[in-house]
Protein backbone atom coordinates (compact mmCIF):
# COMPACT_ATOMS: atom_id res chain seq x y z
CA UNK A 1 17.51 -8.04 7.72
CA UNK A 2 18.53 -11.20 9.55
CA UNK A 3 21.57 -9.48 11.10
CA UNK A 4 19.92 -6.15 11.82
CA UNK A 5 21.09 -4.61 15.09
CA UNK A 6 18.69 -1.90 16.24
CA UNK A 7 16.58 -0.96 19.20
CA UNK A 8 13.56 -0.52 16.96
CA UNK A 9 12.81 -1.02 13.27
CA UNK A 10 9.96 0.94 11.68
CA UNK A 11 8.54 -0.73 8.58
CA UNK A 12 5.64 -0.30 6.16
CA UNK A 13 5.81 -3.83 4.70
CA UNK A 14 3.52 -6.65 5.84
CA UNK A 15 4.50 -10.34 6.16
CA UNK A 16 7.38 -9.77 8.58
CA UNK A 17 8.75 -13.05 9.92
CA UNK A 18 7.83 -15.17 6.92
CA UNK A 19 10.46 -17.16 5.03
CA UNK A 20 11.07 -14.45 2.44
CA UNK A 21 11.10 -11.65 5.04
CA UNK A 22 13.02 -12.91 8.07
CA UNK A 23 13.31 -11.13 11.40
CA UNK A 24 16.69 -10.35 12.88
CA UNK A 25 18.42 -12.92 15.08
CA UNK A 26 19.17 -10.00 17.44
CA UNK A 27 16.62 -8.36 19.76
CA UNK A 28 14.70 -5.78 17.71
CA UNK A 29 11.35 -4.18 18.50
CA UNK A 30 9.44 -4.11 15.20
CA UNK A 31 6.94 -1.30 14.56
CA UNK A 32 4.45 -1.37 11.69
CA UNK A 33 3.56 1.97 10.08
CA UNK A 34 0.52 1.61 7.76
CA UNK A 35 0.95 2.67 4.15
CA UNK A 36 -2.79 2.95 3.45
CA UNK A 37 -6.17 3.32 5.14
CA UNK A 38 -7.51 -0.07 4.01
CA UNK A 39 -8.62 -2.79 6.37
CA UNK A 40 -5.95 -5.29 7.34
CA UNK A 41 -7.65 -8.64 6.72
CA UNK A 42 -8.80 -8.75 3.08
CA UNK A 43 -6.21 -7.44 0.61
CA UNK A 44 -3.29 -8.42 2.86
CA UNK A 45 -2.20 -12.04 3.17
CA UNK A 46 -3.03 -14.17 6.21
CA UNK A 47 -0.93 -13.48 9.32
CA UNK A 48 0.50 -10.41 7.54
CA UNK A 49 1.03 -8.46 10.77
CA UNK A 50 1.58 -11.23 13.32
CA UNK A 51 5.33 -10.63 13.42
CA UNK A 52 5.14 -7.05 14.68
CA UNK A 53 5.56 -5.98 18.30
CA UNK A 54 3.87 -2.59 17.94
CA UNK A 55 1.33 -1.63 15.29
CA UNK A 56 0.37 1.95 14.54
CA UNK A 57 -3.32 2.08 13.59
CA UNK A 58 -4.95 4.50 11.16
CA UNK A 59 -8.39 4.25 12.71
CA UNK A 60 -10.78 2.17 14.82
CA UNK A 61 -11.32 -0.36 12.02
CA UNK A 62 -7.65 -1.40 12.01
CA UNK A 63 -7.48 -1.48 15.81
CA UNK A 64 -10.49 -3.83 15.98
CA UNK A 65 -9.16 -6.04 13.16
CA UNK A 66 -5.77 -6.49 14.84
CA UNK A 67 -7.52 -7.36 18.11
CA UNK A 68 -9.64 -9.93 16.27
CA UNK A 69 -6.50 -11.38 14.66
CA UNK A 70 -5.02 -11.86 18.13
CA UNK A 71 -8.02 -14.01 19.08
CA UNK A 72 -8.05 -15.97 15.81
CA UNK A 73 -4.34 -16.81 15.91
CA UNK A 74 -3.92 -17.06 19.69
CA UNK A 75 -1.44 -14.17 19.83
CA UNK A 76 -0.35 -12.31 22.91
CA UNK A 77 -1.75 -8.77 22.86
CA UNK A 78 0.42 -6.51 20.72
CA UNK A 79 1.02 -2.83 21.37
CA UNK A 80 -1.77 -1.29 19.23
CA UNK A 81 -1.47 2.48 19.07
CA UNK A 82 -3.97 5.06 17.76
CA UNK A 83 -1.99 7.16 15.28
CA UNK A 84 -3.92 8.14 12.14
CA UNK A 85 -2.52 8.53 8.63
CA UNK A 86 0.19 11.19 8.17
CA UNK A 87 -0.03 11.05 4.36
CA UNK A 88 -3.69 12.02 4.58
CA UNK A 89 -2.87 15.15 6.57
CA UNK A 90 -0.37 16.16 3.87
CA UNK A 91 -2.96 15.54 1.15
CA UNK A 92 -5.48 17.69 2.97
CA UNK A 93 -2.99 20.52 3.17
CA UNK A 94 -2.35 20.40 -0.57
CA UNK A 95 -6.10 20.18 -1.20
CA UNK A 96 -6.63 23.47 0.62
CA UNK A 97 -4.16 25.09 -1.76
CA UNK A 98 -5.30 23.42 -5.01
CA UNK A 99 -8.96 22.80 -5.86
CA UNK A 100 -10.70 21.89 -9.13
CA UNK A 101 -11.36 24.85 -11.38
CA UNK A 102 -14.99 25.93 -11.61
CA UNK A 103 -14.21 27.95 -14.74
CA UNK A 104 -13.26 25.08 -17.05
CA UNK A 105 -16.20 23.86 -19.18
CA UNK A 106 -15.38 20.20 -18.57
CA UNK A 107 -15.26 17.91 -15.57
CA UNK A 108 -11.97 16.19 -14.82
CA UNK A 109 -12.01 12.58 -13.67
CA UNK A 110 -9.07 10.43 -12.69
CA UNK A 111 -9.13 6.68 -13.26
CA UNK A 112 -6.78 5.01 -10.76
CA UNK A 113 -7.60 1.32 -10.31
CA UNK A 114 -5.75 -1.44 -8.50
CA UNK A 115 -3.66 -4.01 -10.36
CA UNK A 116 -3.94 -7.71 -11.05
CA UNK A 117 -6.31 -10.10 -12.77
CA UNK A 118 -9.51 -8.51 -11.51
CA UNK A 119 -8.43 -4.89 -11.86
CA UNK A 120 -10.36 -2.49 -14.07
CA UNK A 121 -7.66 -2.02 -16.73
CA UNK A 122 -6.99 -5.75 -17.04
CA UNK A 123 -10.73 -6.49 -17.20
CA UNK A 124 -11.24 -3.90 -19.92
CA UNK A 125 -12.77 -0.44 -19.75
CA UNK A 126 -13.34 0.57 -23.39
CA UNK A 127 -17.05 1.20 -22.82
CA UNK A 128 -16.26 3.37 -19.79
CA UNK A 129 -13.64 5.44 -21.60
CA UNK A 130 -15.77 5.86 -24.72
CA UNK A 131 -18.69 7.06 -22.61
CA UNK A 132 -16.65 9.59 -20.65
CA UNK A 133 -14.71 10.96 -23.61
CA UNK A 134 -17.79 11.33 -25.79
CA UNK A 135 -19.53 13.18 -22.95
CA UNK A 136 -16.71 15.75 -22.87
CA UNK A 137 -14.97 14.68 -19.65
CA UNK A 138 -11.25 15.26 -19.36
CA UNK A 139 -9.97 11.82 -18.35
CA UNK A 140 -6.68 11.31 -16.51
CA UNK A 141 -5.37 7.74 -16.41
CA UNK A 142 -3.18 6.75 -13.47
CA UNK A 143 -2.51 3.00 -13.66
CA UNK A 144 -0.96 1.26 -10.68
CA UNK A 145 2.79 0.94 -11.19
CA UNK A 146 2.53 -2.86 -11.09
CA UNK A 147 0.06 -2.92 -13.99
CA UNK A 148 2.86 -1.93 -16.34
CA UNK A 149 4.77 -5.03 -15.22
CA UNK A 150 1.88 -7.43 -14.64
CA UNK A 151 -0.24 -6.58 -17.69
CA UNK A 152 1.46 -4.12 -20.08
CA UNK A 153 -0.81 -5.32 -22.90
CA UNK A 154 -3.82 -3.81 -21.12
CA UNK A 155 -2.24 -0.35 -21.18
CA UNK A 156 -1.09 -0.83 -24.76
CA UNK A 157 -4.68 -1.57 -25.81
CA UNK A 158 -5.88 1.68 -24.27
CA UNK A 159 -3.14 3.67 -25.98
CA UNK A 160 -3.92 2.04 -29.32
CA UNK A 161 -7.64 2.75 -29.22
CA UNK A 162 -7.80 6.07 -27.40
CA UNK A 163 -4.36 7.59 -27.93
CA UNK A 164 -5.71 10.15 -30.39
CA UNK A 165 -8.38 11.56 -28.08
CA UNK A 166 -7.41 15.05 -26.97
CA UNK A 167 -9.31 14.88 -23.69
CA UNK A 168 -7.49 11.75 -22.49
CA UNK A 169 -4.13 12.14 -20.76
CA UNK A 170 -1.81 9.94 -18.72
CA UNK A 171 -0.84 11.10 -15.23
CA UNK A 172 2.84 10.38 -15.87
CA UNK A 173 2.82 13.00 -18.64
CA UNK A 174 1.52 15.76 -16.35
CA UNK A 175 3.35 18.04 -13.94
CA UNK A 176 1.42 19.29 -10.93
CA UNK A 177 1.72 19.84 -7.19
CA UNK A 178 -1.67 18.12 -6.87
CA UNK A 179 -1.42 14.29 -6.93
CA UNK A 180 -4.99 14.21 -8.30
CA UNK A 181 -4.44 16.91 -10.95
CA UNK A 182 -7.55 18.85 -10.01
CA UNK A 183 -9.90 15.92 -10.61
CA UNK A 184 -13.52 16.47 -9.61
CA UNK A 185 -14.04 12.73 -9.05
CA UNK A 186 -12.12 9.46 -8.94
CA UNK A 187 -12.98 6.20 -10.70
CA UNK A 188 -11.49 3.04 -9.23
CA UNK A 189 -12.23 -0.58 -8.32
CA UNK A 190 -10.77 -1.74 -4.98
CA UNK A 191 -7.74 0.54 -4.86
CA UNK A 192 -6.80 2.13 -1.54
CA UNK A 193 -6.49 5.39 -3.49
CA UNK A 194 -10.24 5.77 -2.97
CA UNK A 195 -9.73 6.64 0.71
CA UNK A 196 -6.87 9.05 0.04
CA UNK A 197 -8.91 10.84 -2.62
CA UNK A 198 -12.23 10.91 -0.76
CA UNK A 199 -10.80 11.81 2.66
CA UNK A 200 -7.93 13.97 1.39
CA UNK A 201 -9.59 15.86 -1.45
CA UNK A 202 -13.16 15.55 -0.11
CA UNK A 203 -14.48 14.65 -3.56
CA UNK A 204 -16.65 11.66 -4.60
CA UNK A 205 -15.58 8.27 -5.92
CA UNK A 206 -17.26 6.11 -8.55
CA UNK A 207 -16.51 2.45 -7.80
CA UNK A 208 -16.61 -0.01 -10.68
CA UNK A 209 -17.85 -3.20 -9.04
CA UNK A 210 -15.08 -5.65 -9.86
CA UNK A 211 -14.67 -8.89 -7.83
CA UNK A 212 -13.22 -8.32 -4.37
CA UNK A 213 -9.46 -8.62 -3.97
CA UNK A 214 -9.26 -11.24 -1.20
CA UNK A 215 -5.63 -12.23 -0.64
CA UNK A 216 -6.16 -13.52 2.89
CA UNK A 217 -6.84 -17.27 2.98
CA UNK A 218 -8.25 -16.81 6.49
CA UNK A 219 -10.60 -13.99 5.51
CA UNK A 220 -13.72 -16.03 6.34
CA UNK A 221 -12.55 -16.41 9.96
CA UNK A 222 -12.96 -12.68 10.58
CA UNK A 223 -16.26 -11.12 11.59
CA UNK A 224 -15.13 -7.57 10.81
CA UNK A 225 -16.44 -6.13 7.55
CA UNK A 226 -13.56 -4.47 5.65
CA UNK A 227 -13.78 -0.69 5.56
CA UNK A 228 -13.33 -0.70 1.78
CA UNK A 229 -16.54 -2.75 1.59
CA UNK A 230 -18.68 -0.96 4.19
CA UNK A 231 -17.91 2.63 3.12
CA UNK A 232 -18.08 2.37 -0.67
CA UNK A 233 -21.68 3.54 -1.03
CA UNK A 234 -21.06 6.43 1.40
CA UNK A 235 -18.02 7.72 -0.49
CA UNK A 236 -19.79 7.98 -3.83
CA UNK A 237 -21.58 5.39 -5.92
CA UNK A 238 -21.06 1.77 -7.03
CA UNK A 239 -21.46 0.92 -10.73
CA UNK A 240 -21.66 -2.60 -12.11
CA UNK A 241 -19.44 -3.55 -15.04
CA UNK A 242 -22.57 -4.05 -17.16
CA UNK A 243 -23.50 -0.37 -16.64
CA UNK A 244 -20.17 1.32 -17.41
CA UNK A 245 -21.92 3.13 -20.25
CA UNK A 246 -23.86 5.10 -17.60
CA UNK A 247 -20.72 6.50 -15.96
CA UNK A 248 -20.89 10.01 -17.43
CA UNK A 249 -24.49 10.52 -16.32
CA UNK A 250 -23.70 9.36 -12.78
CA UNK A 251 -20.52 11.42 -12.52
CA UNK A 252 -22.27 14.61 -13.60
CA UNK A 253 -24.69 14.10 -10.74
CA UNK A 254 -21.91 13.30 -8.23
CA UNK A 255 -19.88 16.34 -9.28
CA UNK A 256 -22.81 18.75 -9.22
CA UNK A 257 -22.77 19.26 -5.43
CA UNK A 258 -19.17 19.56 -4.16
CA UNK A 259 -20.23 21.16 -0.87
CA UNK A 260 -22.35 18.12 0.00
CA UNK A 261 -19.44 15.75 -0.58
CA UNK A 262 -17.01 17.95 1.32
CA UNK A 263 -19.27 17.87 4.39
CA UNK A 264 -20.03 14.16 4.17
CA UNK A 265 -16.49 12.97 3.47
CA UNK A 266 -14.92 15.17 6.14
CA UNK A 267 -17.31 13.61 8.67
CA UNK A 268 -16.34 10.10 7.52
CA UNK A 269 -12.68 11.04 7.81
CA UNK A 270 -13.10 12.21 11.39
CA UNK A 271 -14.91 8.96 12.22
CA UNK A 272 -12.37 6.58 10.69
CA UNK A 273 -8.99 8.33 11.07
CA UNK A 274 -7.33 9.13 14.38
CA UNK A 275 -5.56 12.41 15.24
CA UNK A 276 -6.80 14.44 12.29
CA UNK A 277 -4.27 17.10 11.34
CA UNK A 278 -1.48 15.97 13.65
CA UNK A 279 -0.97 12.26 13.04
CA UNK A 280 2.65 12.72 11.93
CA UNK A 281 3.54 14.35 15.24
CA UNK A 282 1.75 11.56 17.10
CA UNK A 283 3.59 8.89 15.12
CA UNK A 284 6.97 10.56 15.65
CA UNK A 285 6.40 10.89 19.40
CA UNK A 286 5.31 7.25 19.66
CA UNK A 287 8.30 5.94 17.72
CA UNK A 288 10.64 8.11 19.78
CA UNK A 289 9.14 6.75 23.00
CA UNK A 290 9.45 3.14 21.82
CA UNK A 291 13.03 3.74 20.73
CA UNK A 292 13.82 5.14 24.17
CA UNK A 293 12.39 2.04 25.82
CA UNK A 294 14.14 -0.47 23.57
CA UNK A 295 17.64 0.97 23.32
CA UNK A 296 19.52 3.02 20.74
CA UNK A 297 19.30 2.42 17.02
CA UNK A 298 22.43 1.00 15.40
CA UNK A 299 23.32 0.00 11.85
CA UNK A 300 22.67 -3.40 10.29
CA UNK A 301 25.65 -5.72 9.86
């Protein structure tokens, strides 16, 4: 990276310019392309985006947060561009082609939490799984890839206790064109998958109320409320860890009115994501324009 020669560099990684992620010694215009819908000032480390020249924004929350960061850190105004989230448009297209079956006698739920010390799998979810499986739910487990590295024992415990239950499956063992495998609802903690599922599939989310994942040491300096905090109750329901035994009852209620959730979540998507349906074209045009302004792209040396 330090010898990169290019007019522009498009990246999805935060923390550019820090010791372990150096910028090139040559003139390069760095563009940040978001890899999720989350807010930018809670789960990401402090100054995570300060090194970028242009930042493509998913929605008004990210735009406002980057503007607030400029004031907090005394930065010159960056080039903040309203783009949207191309992955979400692709998810919506697949959702139109694949929807949960209304014929099957059971509800399908996917459990896809974040990773780390305060994640659902590491905390323990035996009561939750027992409740769902006994109630006849088909449960699909999709652990974060880093959980297998960070806490493999947590996954081993689940396999040991519930491996014989026929209505529990692991996402890695399934083959489907639908990344959510026809799930009627998602269960998570603070994972960004909640936005992709709710806005892409237009189906509700049950949030297990684990401690917030605050990786930004400067979080308290921001006035903006993270989107993953402010929208939780609107995207489904929040359940305390002490009440995980009530999950099946709550999910049956959430899943009983799919039309309501489709209307509500599509409205939230239009409010919080720019350029619905054509964000990829907008991003491509913006990157092309910036590349034209900043010279041709060449290879790193």
